[in-house]
Structures are given as structure tokens and as C-alpha cells.
Amino acid sequence: MSGWSPEVLEVLEASGWTVGRRVGTADWRSMFEAVGIVMHEAAEAFLQEFGGLAVSIGGPGINRAREPFELNPELAWGEDDRFSEWSDSLGETSLPARRAG
């Protein structure tokens, strides 16, 4: 049992997600490590399961309209300073964020 609501499962499955999905993260990891950004274990686990999914959703939401999105860390390329600021204010590391060394 996944623990997802039927609506969330329907959206995820329509996007290509399956229970036990695992995709490689080596390319994403090496891309960010090349510029000194470390991928922590939680980010890697998330990306293994959900990385690369493009979610096509639309319609009304609770606080804002639902809109399509992609779970692709390459789309955040060049935004490491923004993630560093968020990480500092949260006291938690978000990807991309922490610079090695």
C-alpha cells in the first residue's frame, strides 16, 4: 500500500510513476557535484522515485490553481544561490544547496 490518496495515485500513475519506481541519479549527482553542490540522501531517494516525472494536472486548487510541473533537478540549474538561501532560512539542506568543501 502506497499511502497516497486515490486522486494522487491516479495523477502519479498517469505521469509514469509506479510503486517501487527507481531511476538512476548518477547524471544529476555528477552535474551538480561538478559545480560543488552535494546531493544528500533524502534528495537522492526522492529523485530515485519521482525524478524525471512530468505531471500534467490542471484545474482549481485550494490556495491556487493546479498546474503542470516537472520533477527534474536540471530545471533548477543556475539557481543554487536561491536554494542555499532557502536552506539557510529553514535550517535544512534542500537540493541544490550545500556546496562541497
PDB file of N, CA and C in Angstrom:
ATOM      1  N   MET A   1       0.851  -1.184   0.000  1.00  0.00           N
ATOM      2  CA  MET A   1       0.000   0.000   0.000  1.00  0.00           C
ATOM      3  C   MET A   1       0.886   1.233   0.000  1.00  0.00           C
ATOM      4  N   SER A   2       0.598   2.187  -0.856  1.00  0.00           N
ATOM      5  CA  SER A   2       1.456   3.350  -1.019  1.00  0.00           C
ATOM      6  C   SER A   2       1.179   4.454  -0.010  1.00  0.00           C
ATOM      7  N   GLY A   3      -0.016   4.540   0.532  1.00  0.00           N
ATOM      8  CA  GLY A   3      -0.354   5.618   1.440  1.00  0.00           C
ATOM      9  C   GLY A   3      -0.846   6.867   0.730  1.00  0.00           C
ATOM     10  N   TRP A   4      -0.870   6.872  -0.594  1.00  0.00           N
ATOM     11  CA  TRP A   4      -1.359   8.008  -1.372  1.00  0.00           C
ATOM     12  C   TRP A   4      -2.867   7.917  -1.511  1.00  0.00           C
ATOM     13  N   SER A   5      -3.519   9.061  -1.604  1.00  0.00           N
ATOM     14  CA  SER A   5      -4.961   9.076  -1.865  1.00  0.00           C
ATOM     15  C   SER A   5      -5.206   8.557  -3.289  1.00  0.00           C
ATOM     16  N   PRO A   6      -6.412   8.076  -3.573  1.00  0.00           N
ATOM     17  CA  PRO A   6      -6.704   7.615  -4.938  1.00  0.00           C
ATOM     18  C   PRO A   6      -6.461   8.690  -5.999  1.00  0.00           C
ATOM     19  N   GLU A   7      -6.785   9.950  -5.681  1.00  0.00           N
ATOM     20  CA  GLU A   7      -6.563  11.037  -6.636  1.00  0.00           C
ATOM     21  C   GLU A   7      -5.074  11.227  -6.927  1.00  0.00           C
ATOM     22  N   VAL A   8      -4.246  11.232  -5.874  1.00  0.00           N
ATOM     23  CA  VAL A   8      -2.802  11.399  -6.050  1.00  0.00           C
ATOM     24  C   VAL A   8      -2.233  10.213  -6.824  1.00  0.00           C
ATOM     25  N   LEU A   9      -2.658   9.000  -6.490  1.00  0.00           N
ATOM     26  CA  LEU A   9      -2.194   7.814  -7.219  1.00  0.00           C
ATOM     27  C   LEU A   9      -2.534   7.913  -8.702  1.00  0.00           C
ATOM     28  N   GLU A  10      -3.729   8.352  -9.013  1.00  0.00           N
ATOM     29  CA  GLU A  10      -4.146   8.475 -10.409  1.00  0.00           C
ATOM     30  C   GLU A  10      -3.245   9.456 -11.157  1.00  0.00           C
ATOM     31  N   VAL A  11      -2.951  10.604 -10.545  1.00  0.00           N
ATOM     32  CA  VAL A  11      -2.099  11.610 -11.175  1.00  0.00           C
ATOM     33  C   VAL A  11      -0.679  11.080 -11.328  1.00  0.00           C
ATOM     34  N   LEU A  12      -0.135  10.472 -10.270  1.00  0.00           N
ATOM     35  CA  LEU A  12       1.231   9.936 -10.334  1.00  0.00           C
ATOM     36  C   LEU A  12       1.350   8.853 -11.398  1.00  0.00           C
ATOM     37  N   GLU A  13       0.416   7.916 -11.398  1.00  0.00           N
ATOM     38  CA  GLU A  13       0.469   6.817 -12.373  1.00  0.00           C
ATOM     39  C   GLU A  13       0.311   7.329 -13.799  1.00  0.00           C
ATOM     40  N   ALA A  14      -0.527   8.339 -14.007  1.00  0.00           N
ATOM     41  CA  ALA A  14      -0.682   8.929 -15.335  1.00  0.00           C
ATOM     42  C   ALA A  14       0.608   9.621 -15.781  1.00  0.00           C
ATOM     43  N   SER A  15       1.453   9.981 -14.818  1.00  0.00           N
ATOM     44  CA  SER A  15       2.725  10.645 -15.106  1.00  0.00           C
ATOM     45  C   SER A  15       3.873   9.668 -15.302  1.00  0.00           C
ATOM     46  N   GLY A  16       3.607   8.373 -15.111  1.00  0.00           N
ATOM     47  CA  GLY A  16       4.634   7.356 -15.311  1.00  0.00           C
ATOM     48  C   GLY A  16       5.193   6.748 -14.042  1.00  0.00           C
ATOM     49  N   TRP A  17       4.705   7.176 -12.885  1.00  0.00           N
ATOM     50  CA  TRP A  17       5.167   6.628 -11.612  1.00  0.00           C
ATOM     51  C   TRP A  17       4.540   5.264 -11.375  1.00  0.00           C
ATOM     52  N   THR A  18       5.301   4.361 -10.760  1.00  0.00           N
ATOM     53  CA  THR A  18       4.797   3.068 -10.322  1.00  0.00           C
ATOM     54  C   THR A  18       5.368   2.777  -8.940  1.00  0.00           C
ATOM     55  N   VAL A  19       4.681   1.927  -8.203  1.00  0.00           N
ATOM     56  CA  VAL A  19       5.195   1.504  -6.898  1.00  0.00           C
ATOM     57  C   VAL A  19       6.550   0.841  -7.117  1.00  0.00           C
ATOM     58  N   GLY A  20       7.540   1.232  -6.331  1.00  0.00           N
ATOM     59  CA  GLY A  20       8.880   0.660  -6.461  1.00  0.00           C
ATOM     60  C   GLY A  20       9.716   1.293  -7.562  1.00  0.00           C
ATOM     61  N   ARG A  21       9.250   2.362  -8.172  1.00  0.00           N
ATOM     62  CA  ARG A  21       9.998   3.034  -9.244  1.00  0.00           C
ATOM     63  C   ARG A  21      11.362   3.475  -8.726  1.00  0.00           C
ATOM     64  N   ARG A  22      12.391   3.212  -9.507  1.00  0.00           N
ATOM     65  CA  ARG A  22      13.755   3.641  -9.178  1.00  0.00           C
ATOM     66  C   ARG A  22      14.453   4.034 -10.474  1.00  0.00           C
ATOM     67  N   VAL A  23      14.834   5.293 -10.557  1.00  0.00           N
ATOM     68  CA  VAL A  23      15.608   5.762 -11.708  1.00  0.00           C
ATOM     69  C   VAL A  23      17.000   6.140 -11.221  1.00  0.00           C
ATOM     70  N   GLY A  24      17.948   6.077 -12.103  1.00  0.00           N
ATOM     71  CA  GLY A  24      19.311   6.442 -11.757  1.00  0.00           C
ATOM     72  C   GLY A  24      19.456   7.940 -11.522  1.00  0.00           C
ATOM     73  N   THR A  25      20.276   8.287 -10.576  1.00  0.00           N
ATOM     74  CA  THR A  25      20.510   9.698 -10.255  1.00  0.00           C
ATOM     75  C   THR A  25      21.949  10.119 -10.533  1.00  0.00           C
ATOM     76  N   ALA A  26      22.753   9.221 -11.069  1.00  0.00           N
ATOM     77  CA  ALA A  26      24.181   9.499 -11.252  1.00  0.00           C
ATOM     78  C   ALA A  26      24.429  10.727 -12.123  1.00  0.00           C
ATOM     79  N   ASP A  27      23.666  10.897 -13.191  1.00  0.00           N
ATOM     80  CA  ASP A  27      23.870  12.056 -14.067  1.00  0.00           C
ATOM     81  C   ASP A  27      23.553  13.354 -13.336  1.00  0.00           C
ATOM     82  N   TRP A  28      22.437  13.370 -12.588  1.00  0.00           N
ATOM     83  CA  TRP A  28      22.078  14.573 -11.824  1.00  0.00           C
ATOM     84  C   TRP A  28      23.136  14.846 -10.758  1.00  0.00           C
ATOM     85  N   ARG A  29      23.538  13.784 -10.053  1.00  0.00           N
ATOM     86  CA  ARG A  29      24.545  13.929  -8.996  1.00  0.00           C
ATOM     87  C   ARG A  29      25.835  14.506  -9.571  1.00  0.00           C
ATOM     88  N   SER A  30      26.332  13.945 -10.658  1.00  0.00           N
ATOM     89  CA  SER A  30      27.611  14.404 -11.215  1.00  0.00           C
ATOM     90  C   SER A  30      27.497  15.818 -11.775  1.00  0.00           C
ATOM     91  N   MET A  31      26.352  16.165 -12.339  1.00  0.00           N
ATOM     92  CA  MET A  31      26.151  17.511 -12.868  1.00  0.00           C
ATOM     93  C   MET A  31      26.301  18.542 -11.753  1.00  0.00           C
ATOM     94  N   PHE A  32      25.656  18.295 -10.611  1.00  0.00           N
ATOM     95  CA  PHE A  32      25.722  19.250  -9.508  1.00  0.00           C
ATOM     96  C   PHE A  32      27.054  19.176  -8.768  1.00  0.00           C
ATOM     97  N   GLU A  33      27.609  17.982  -8.598  1.00  0.00           N
ATOM     98  CA  GLU A  33      28.900  17.874  -7.913  1.00  0.00           C
ATOM     99  C   GLU A  33      30.002  18.577  -8.694  1.00  0.00           C
ATOM    100  N   ALA A  34      29.865  18.637 -10.019  1.00  0.00           N
ATOM    101  CA  ALA A  34      30.869  19.312 -10.843  1.00  0.00           C
ATOM    102  C   ALA A  34      30.993  20.794 -10.488  1.00  0.00           C
ATOM    103  N   VAL A  35      29.928  21.370  -9.912  1.00  0.00           N
ATOM    104  CA  VAL A  35      29.972  22.773  -9.502  1.00  0.00           C
ATOM    105  C   VAL A  35      29.938  22.906  -7.980  1.00  0.00           C
ATOM    106  N   GLY A  36      30.199  21.787  -7.271  1.00  0.00           N
ATOM    107  CA  GLY A  36      30.338  21.832  -5.827  1.00  0.00           C
ATOM    108  C   GLY A  36      29.061  21.671  -5.024  1.00  0.00           C
ATOM    109  N   ILE A  37      27.985  21.187  -5.646  1.00  0.00           N
ATOM    110  CA  ILE A  37      26.722  21.000  -4.930  1.00  0.00           C
ATOM    111  C   ILE A  37      26.554  19.528  -4.593  1.00  0.00           C
ATOM    112  N   VAL A  38      26.340  19.243  -3.312  1.00  0.00           N
ATOM    113  CA  VAL A  38      26.240  17.865  -2.827  1.00  0.00           C
ATOM    114  C   VAL A  38      24.778  17.443  -2.748  1.00  0.00           C
ATOM    115  N   MET A  39      24.462  16.274  -3.308  1.00  0.00           N
ATOM    116  CA  MET A  39      23.120  15.717  -3.216  1.00  0.00           C
ATOM    117  C   MET A  39      23.045  14.862  -1.950  1.00  0.00           C
ATOM    118  N   HIS A  40      22.190  15.256  -1.006  1.00  0.00           N
ATOM    119  CA  HIS A  40      22.076  14.477   0.218  1.00  0.00           C
ATOM    120  C   HIS A  40      21.173  13.258   0.002  1.00  0.00           C
ATOM    121  N   GLU A  41      21.186  12.327   0.963  1.00  0.00           N
ATOM    122  CA  GLU A  41      20.499  11.039   0.816  1.00  0.00           C
ATOM    123  C   GLU A  41      18.995  11.185   0.590  1.00  0.00           C
ATOM    124  N   ALA A  42      18.348  12.105   1.305  1.00  0.00           N
ATOM    125  CA  ALA A  42      16.901  12.270   1.146  1.00  0.00           C
ATOM    126  C   ALA A  42      16.560  12.753  -0.260  1.00  0.00           C
ATOM    127  N   ALA A  43      17.362  13.675  -0.800  1.00  0.00           N
ATOM    128  CA  ALA A  43      17.125  14.167  -2.158  1.00  0.00           C
ATOM    129  C   ALA A  43      17.315  13.039  -3.162  1.00  0.00           C
ATOM    130  N   GLU A  44      18.342  12.233  -2.954  1.00  0.00           N
ATOM    131  CA  GLU A  44      18.583  11.120  -3.868  1.00  0.00           C
ATOM    132  C   GLU A  44      17.439  10.116  -3.828  1.00  0.00           C
ATOM    133  N   ALA A  45      16.958   9.776  -2.631  1.00  0.00           N
ATOM    134  CA  ALA A  45      15.847   8.832  -2.505  1.00  0.00           C
ATOM    135  C   ALA A  45      14.594   9.387  -3.198  1.00  0.00           C
ATOM    136  N   PHE A  46      14.326  10.676  -3.010  1.00  0.00           N
ATOM    137  CA  PHE A  46      13.178  11.302  -3.666  1.00  0.00           C
ATOM    138  C   PHE A  46      13.325  11.237  -5.184  1.00  0.00           C
ATOM    139  N   LEU A  47      14.510  11.620  -5.677  1.00  0.00           N
ATOM    140  CA  LEU A  47      14.723  11.630  -7.122  1.00  0.00           C
ATOM    141  C   LEU A  47      14.693  10.233  -7.720  1.00  0.00           C
ATOM    142  N   GLN A  48      15.157   9.236  -6.979  1.00  0.00           N
ATOM    143  CA  GLN A  48      15.076   7.865  -7.483  1.00  0.00           C
ATOM    144  C   GLN A  48      13.620   7.465  -7.736  1.00  0.00           C
ATOM    145  N   GLU A  49      12.733   7.910  -6.866  1.00  0.00           N
ATOM    146  CA  GLU A  49      11.329   7.537  -7.012  1.00  0.00           C
ATOM    147  C   GLU A  49      10.541   8.471  -7.937  1.00  0.00           C
ATOM    148  N   PHE A  50      10.818   9.771  -7.870  1.00  0.00           N
ATOM    149  CA  PHE A  50       9.984  10.732  -8.588  1.00  0.00           C
ATOM    150  C   PHE A  50      10.721  11.545  -9.654  1.00  0.00           C
ATOM    151  N   GLY A  51      12.049  11.481  -9.695  1.00  0.00           N
ATOM    152  CA  GLY A  51      12.828  12.274 -10.635  1.00  0.00           C
ATOM    153  C   GLY A  51      12.459  11.993 -12.079  1.00  0.00           C
ATOM    154  N   GLY A  52      12.340  13.056 -12.847  1.00  0.00           N
ATOM    155  CA  GLY A  52      12.050  12.938 -14.264  1.00  0.00           C
ATOM    156  C   GLY A  52      10.570  12.887 -14.604  1.00  0.00           C
ATOM    157  N   LEU A  53       9.704  12.843 -13.608  1.00  0.00           N
ATOM    158  CA  LEU A  53       8.271  12.809 -13.904  1.00  0.00           C
ATOM    159  C   LEU A  53       7.791  14.190 -14.336  1.00  0.00           C
ATOM    160  N   ALA A  54       6.940  14.206 -15.333  1.00  0.00           N
ATOM    161  CA  ALA A  54       6.260  15.428 -15.759  1.00  0.00           C
ATOM    162  C   ALA A  54       4.782  15.219 -15.434  1.00  0.00           C
ATOM    163  N   VAL A  55       4.267  16.021 -14.529  1.00  0.00           N
ATOM    164  CA  VAL A  55       2.906  15.862 -14.030  1.00  0.00           C
ATOM    165  C   VAL A  55       2.002  16.854 -14.753  1.00  0.00           C
ATOM    166  N   SER A  56       1.084  16.313 -15.533  1.00  0.00           N
ATOM    167  CA  SER A  56       0.132  17.142 -16.277  1.00  0.00           C
ATOM    168  C   SER A  56      -1.161  17.197 -15.479  1.00  0.00           C
ATOM    169  N   ILE A  57      -1.349  18.296 -14.806  1.00  0.00           N
ATOM    170  CA  ILE A  57      -2.519  18.468 -13.968  1.00  0.00           C
ATOM    171  C   ILE A  57      -3.015  19.893 -14.156  1.00  0.00           C
ATOM    172  N   GLY A  58      -4.287  20.090 -13.980  1.00  0.00           N
ATOM    173  CA  GLY A  58      -4.849  21.422 -14.100  1.00  0.00           C
ATOM    174  C   GLY A  58      -6.169  21.484 -13.356  1.00  0.00           C
ATOM    175  N   GLY A  59      -6.661  22.677 -13.190  1.00  0.00           N
ATOM    176  CA  GLY A  59      -7.943  22.860 -12.537  1.00  0.00           C
ATOM    177  C   GLY A  59      -7.808  23.638 -11.249  1.00  0.00           C
ATOM    178  N   PRO A  60      -8.934  23.819 -10.567  1.00  0.00           N
ATOM    179  CA  PRO A  60      -8.916  24.588  -9.323  1.00  0.00           C
ATOM    180  C   PRO A  60      -8.184  23.836  -8.219  1.00  0.00           C
ATOM    181  N   GLY A  61      -7.632  24.581  -7.295  1.00  0.00           N
ATOM    182  CA  GLY A  61      -6.973  24.007  -6.131  1.00  0.00           C
ATOM    183  C   GLY A  61      -7.493  24.672  -4.877  1.00  0.00           C
ATOM    184  N   ILE A  62      -6.831  24.453  -3.760  1.00  0.00           N
ATOM    185  CA  ILE A  62      -7.268  25.055  -2.503  1.00  0.00           C
ATOM    186  C   ILE A  62      -6.765  26.483  -2.389  1.00  0.00           C
ATOM    187  N   ASN A  63      -5.446  26.690  -2.553  1.00  0.00           N
ATOM    188  CA  ASN A  63      -4.854  28.026  -2.439  1.00  0.00           C
ATOM    189  C   ASN A  63      -4.526  28.657  -3.784  1.00  0.00           C
ATOM    190  N   ARG A  64      -4.424  27.848  -4.806  1.00  0.00           N
ATOM    191  CA  ARG A  64      -4.121  28.326  -6.151  1.00  0.00           C
ATOM    192  C   ARG A  64      -4.511  27.242  -7.138  1.00  0.00           C
ATOM    193  N   ALA A  65      -4.583  27.602  -8.392  1.00  0.00           N
ATOM    194  CA  ALA A  65      -4.949  26.636  -9.423  1.00  0.00           C
ATOM    195  C   ALA A  65      -3.876  25.554  -9.545  1.00  0.00           C
ATOM    196  N   ARG A  66      -4.292  24.368  -9.880  1.00  0.00           N
ATOM    197  CA  ARG A  66      -3.345  23.282 -10.156  1.00  0.00           C
ATOM    198  C   ARG A  66      -2.753  23.528 -11.530  1.00  0.00           C
ATOM    199  N   GLU A  67      -1.457  23.289 -11.658  1.00  0.00           N
ATOM    200  CA  GLU A  67      -0.806  23.483 -12.942  1.00  0.00           C
ATOM    201  C   GLU A  67       0.277  22.445 -13.135  1.00  0.00           C
ATOM    202  N   PRO A  68       0.605  22.138 -14.394  1.00  0.00           N
ATOM    203  CA  PRO A  68       1.620  21.119 -14.683  1.00  0.00           C
ATOM    204  C   PRO A  68       2.976  21.480 -14.082  1.00  0.00           C
ATOM    205  N   PHE A  69       3.758  20.461 -13.740  1.00  0.00           N
ATOM    206  CA  PHE A  69       5.110  20.670 -13.237  1.00  0.00           C
ATOM    207  C   PHE A  69       5.965  19.451 -13.550  1.00  0.00           C
ATOM    208  N   GLU A  70       7.270  19.663 -13.497  1.00  0.00           N
ATOM    209  CA  GLU A  70       8.232  18.581 -13.708  1.00  0.00           C
ATOM    210  C   GLU A  70       9.108  18.434 -12.481  1.00  0.00           C
ATOM    211  N   LEU A  71       9.467  17.212 -12.175  1.00  0.00           N
ATOM    212  CA  LEU A  71      10.374  16.915 -11.070  1.00  0.00           C
ATOM    213  C   LEU A  71      11.731  16.569 -11.673  1.00  0.00           C
ATOM    214  N   ASN A  72      12.400  17.599 -12.135  1.00  0.00           N
ATOM    215  CA  ASN A  72      13.662  17.455 -12.845  1.00  0.00           C
ATOM    216  C   ASN A  72      14.656  18.471 -12.277  1.00  0.00           C
ATOM    217  N   PRO A  73      15.673  18.009 -11.546  1.00  0.00           N
ATOM    218  CA  PRO A  73      16.615  18.949 -10.944  1.00  0.00           C
ATOM    219  C   PRO A  73      17.393  19.777 -11.960  1.00  0.00           C
ATOM    220  N   GLU A  74      17.470  19.322 -13.202  1.00  0.00           N
ATOM    221  CA  GLU A  74      18.168  20.114 -14.220  1.00  0.00           C
ATOM    222  C   GLU A  74      17.467  21.449 -14.463  1.00  0.00           C
ATOM    223  N   LEU A  75      16.171  21.515 -14.186  1.00  0.00           N
ATOM    224  CA  LEU A  75      15.426  22.756 -14.375  1.00  0.00           C
ATOM    225  C   LEU A  75      15.819  23.813 -13.342  1.00  0.00           C
ATOM    226  N   ALA A  76      16.494  23.390 -12.280  1.00  0.00           N
ATOM    227  CA  ALA A  76      16.964  24.324 -11.242  1.00  0.00           C
ATOM    228  C   ALA A  76      18.410  24.742 -11.478  1.00  0.00           C
ATOM    229  N   TRP A  77      18.964  24.336 -12.603  1.00  0.00           N
ATOM    230  CA  TRP A  77      20.356  24.666 -12.894  1.00  0.00           C
ATOM    231  C   TRP A  77      20.540  26.173 -12.883  1.00  0.00           C
ATOM    232  N   GLY A  78      21.544  26.637 -12.161  1.00  0.00           N
ATOM    233  CA  GLY A  78      21.821  28.061 -12.062  1.00  0.00           C
ATOM    234  C   GLY A  78      21.087  28.744 -10.922  1.00  0.00           C
ATOM    235  N   GLU A  79      20.291  27.997 -10.187  1.00  0.00           N
ATOM    236  CA  GLU A  79      19.520  28.557  -9.076  1.00  0.00           C
ATOM    237  C   GLU A  79      20.079  28.142  -7.716  1.00  0.00           C
ATOM    238  N   ASP A  80      21.334  27.677  -7.680  1.00  0.00           N
ATOM    239  CA  ASP A  80      21.891  27.161  -6.423  1.00  0.00           C
ATOM    240  C   ASP A  80      21.911  28.215  -5.322  1.00  0.00           C
ATOM    241  N   ASP A  81      22.076  29.492  -5.681  1.00  0.00           N
ATOM    242  CA  ASP A  81      22.067  30.534  -4.651  1.00  0.00           C
ATOM    243  C   ASP A  81      20.697  30.641  -3.989  1.00  0.00           C
ATOM    244  N   ARG A  82      19.648  30.491  -4.751  1.00  0.00           N
ATOM    245  CA  ARG A  82      18.291  30.527  -4.203  1.00  0.00           C
ATOM    246  C   ARG A  82      18.065  29.366  -3.235  1.00  0.00           C
ATOM    247  N   PHE A  83      18.505  28.163  -3.620  1.00  0.00           N
ATOM    248  CA  PHE A  83      18.342  27.006  -2.750  1.00  0.00           C
ATOM    249  C   PHE A  83      19.207  27.127  -1.501  1.00  0.00           C
ATOM    250  N   SER A  84      20.374  27.725  -1.628  1.00  0.00           N
ATOM    251  CA  SER A  84      21.232  27.959  -0.459  1.00  0.00           C
ATOM    252  C   SER A  84      20.548  28.882   0.535  1.00  0.00           C
ATOM    253  N   GLU A  85      19.913  29.946   0.022  1.00  0.00           N
ATOM    254  CA  GLU A  85      19.189  30.880   0.893  1.00  0.00           C
ATOM    255  C   GLU A  85      18.028  30.180   1.587  1.00  0.00           C
ATOM    256  N   TRP A  86      17.262  29.386   0.848  1.00  0.00           N
ATOM    257  CA  TRP A  86      16.145  28.652   1.452  1.00  0.00           C
ATOM    258  C   TRP A  86      16.655  27.695   2.512  1.00  0.00           C
ATOM    259  N   SER A  87      17.748  26.994   2.206  1.00  0.00           N
ATOM    260  CA  SER A  87      18.320  26.047   3.159  1.00  0.00           C
ATOM    261  C   SER A  87      18.749  26.753   4.438  1.00  0.00           C
ATOM    262  N   ASP A  88      19.389  27.911   4.285  1.00  0.00           N
ATOM    263  CA  ASP A  88      19.825  28.678   5.456  1.00  0.00           C
ATOM    264  C   ASP A  88      18.641  29.116   6.302  1.00  0.00           C
ATOM    265  N   SER A  89      17.575  29.608   5.661  1.00  0.00           N
ATOM    266  CA  SER A  89      16.427  30.097   6.428  1.00  0.00           C
ATOM    267  C   SER A  89      15.644  28.956   7.070  1.00  0.00           C
ATOM    268  N   LEU A  90      15.642  27.775   6.450  1.00  0.00           N
ATOM    269  CA  LEU A  90      14.933  26.619   7.007  1.00  0.00           C
ATOM    270  C   LEU A  90      15.772  25.850   8.021  1.00  0.00           C
ATOM    271  N   GLY A  91      17.081  26.007   7.947  1.00  0.00           N
ATOM    272  CA  GLY A  91      17.963  25.217   8.791  1.00  0.00           C
ATOM    273  C   GLY A  91      18.062  23.777   8.318  1.00  0.00           C
ATOM    274  N   GLU A  92      17.649  23.533   7.084  1.00  0.00           N
ATOM    275  CA  GLU A  92      17.685  22.207   6.453  1.00  0.00           C
ATOM    276  C   GLU A  92      18.299  22.359   5.076  1.00  0.00           C
ATOM    277  N   THR A  93      18.935  21.320   4.585  1.00  0.00           N
ATOM    278  CA  THR A  93      19.520  21.371   3.255  1.00  0.00           C
ATOM    279  C   THR A  93      18.482  20.977   2.219  1.00  0.00           C
ATOM    280  N   SER A  94      18.336  21.802   1.187  1.00  0.00           N
ATOM    281  CA  SER A  94      17.491  21.455   0.054  1.00  0.00           C
ATOM    282  C   SER A  94      18.393  21.364  -1.168  1.00  0.00           C
ATOM    283  N   LEU A  95      17.987  20.635  -2.169  1.00  0.00           N
ATOM    284  CA  LEU A  95      18.817  20.422  -3.352  1.00  0.00           C
ATOM    285  C   LEU A  95      18.352  21.357  -4.439  1.00  0.00           C
ATOM    286  N   PRO A  96      19.206  21.982  -5.180  1.00  0.00           N
ATOM    287  CA  PRO A  96      20.643  22.064  -4.926  1.00  0.00           C
ATOM    288  C   PRO A  96      20.914  23.084  -3.829  1.00  0.00           C
ATOM    289  N   ALA A  97      21.898  22.804  -2.984  1.00  0.00           N
ATOM    290  CA  ALA A  97      22.115  23.732  -1.897  1.00  0.00           C
ATOM    291  C   ALA A  97      23.536  23.739  -1.392  1.00  0.00           C
ATOM    292  N   ARG A  98      23.901  22.735  -0.657  1.00  0.00           N
ATOM    293  CA  ARG A  98      25.165  22.764   0.057  1.00  0.00           C
ATOM    294  C   ARG A  98      26.332  22.595  -0.882  1.00  0.00           C
ATOM    295  N   ARG A  99      27.285  23.465  -0.776  1.00  0.00           N
ATOM    296  CA  ARG A  99      28.494  23.360  -1.587  1.00  0.00           C
ATOM    297  C   ARG A  99      29.516  22.489  -0.868  1.00  0.00           C
ATOM    298  N   ALA A 100      30.151  21.632  -1.627  1.00  0.00           N
ATOM    299  CA  ALA A 100      31.181  20.763  -1.045  1.00  0.00           C
ATOM    300  C   ALA A 100      32.398  21.589  -0.673  1.00  0.00           C
ATOM    301  N   GLY A 101      33.137  21.095   0.324  1.00  0.00           N
ATOM    302  CA  GLY A 101      34.396  21.724   0.683  1.00  0.00           C
ATOM    303  C   GLY A 101      34.164  22.973   1.384  1.00  0.00           C
TER     304      GLY A 101
END
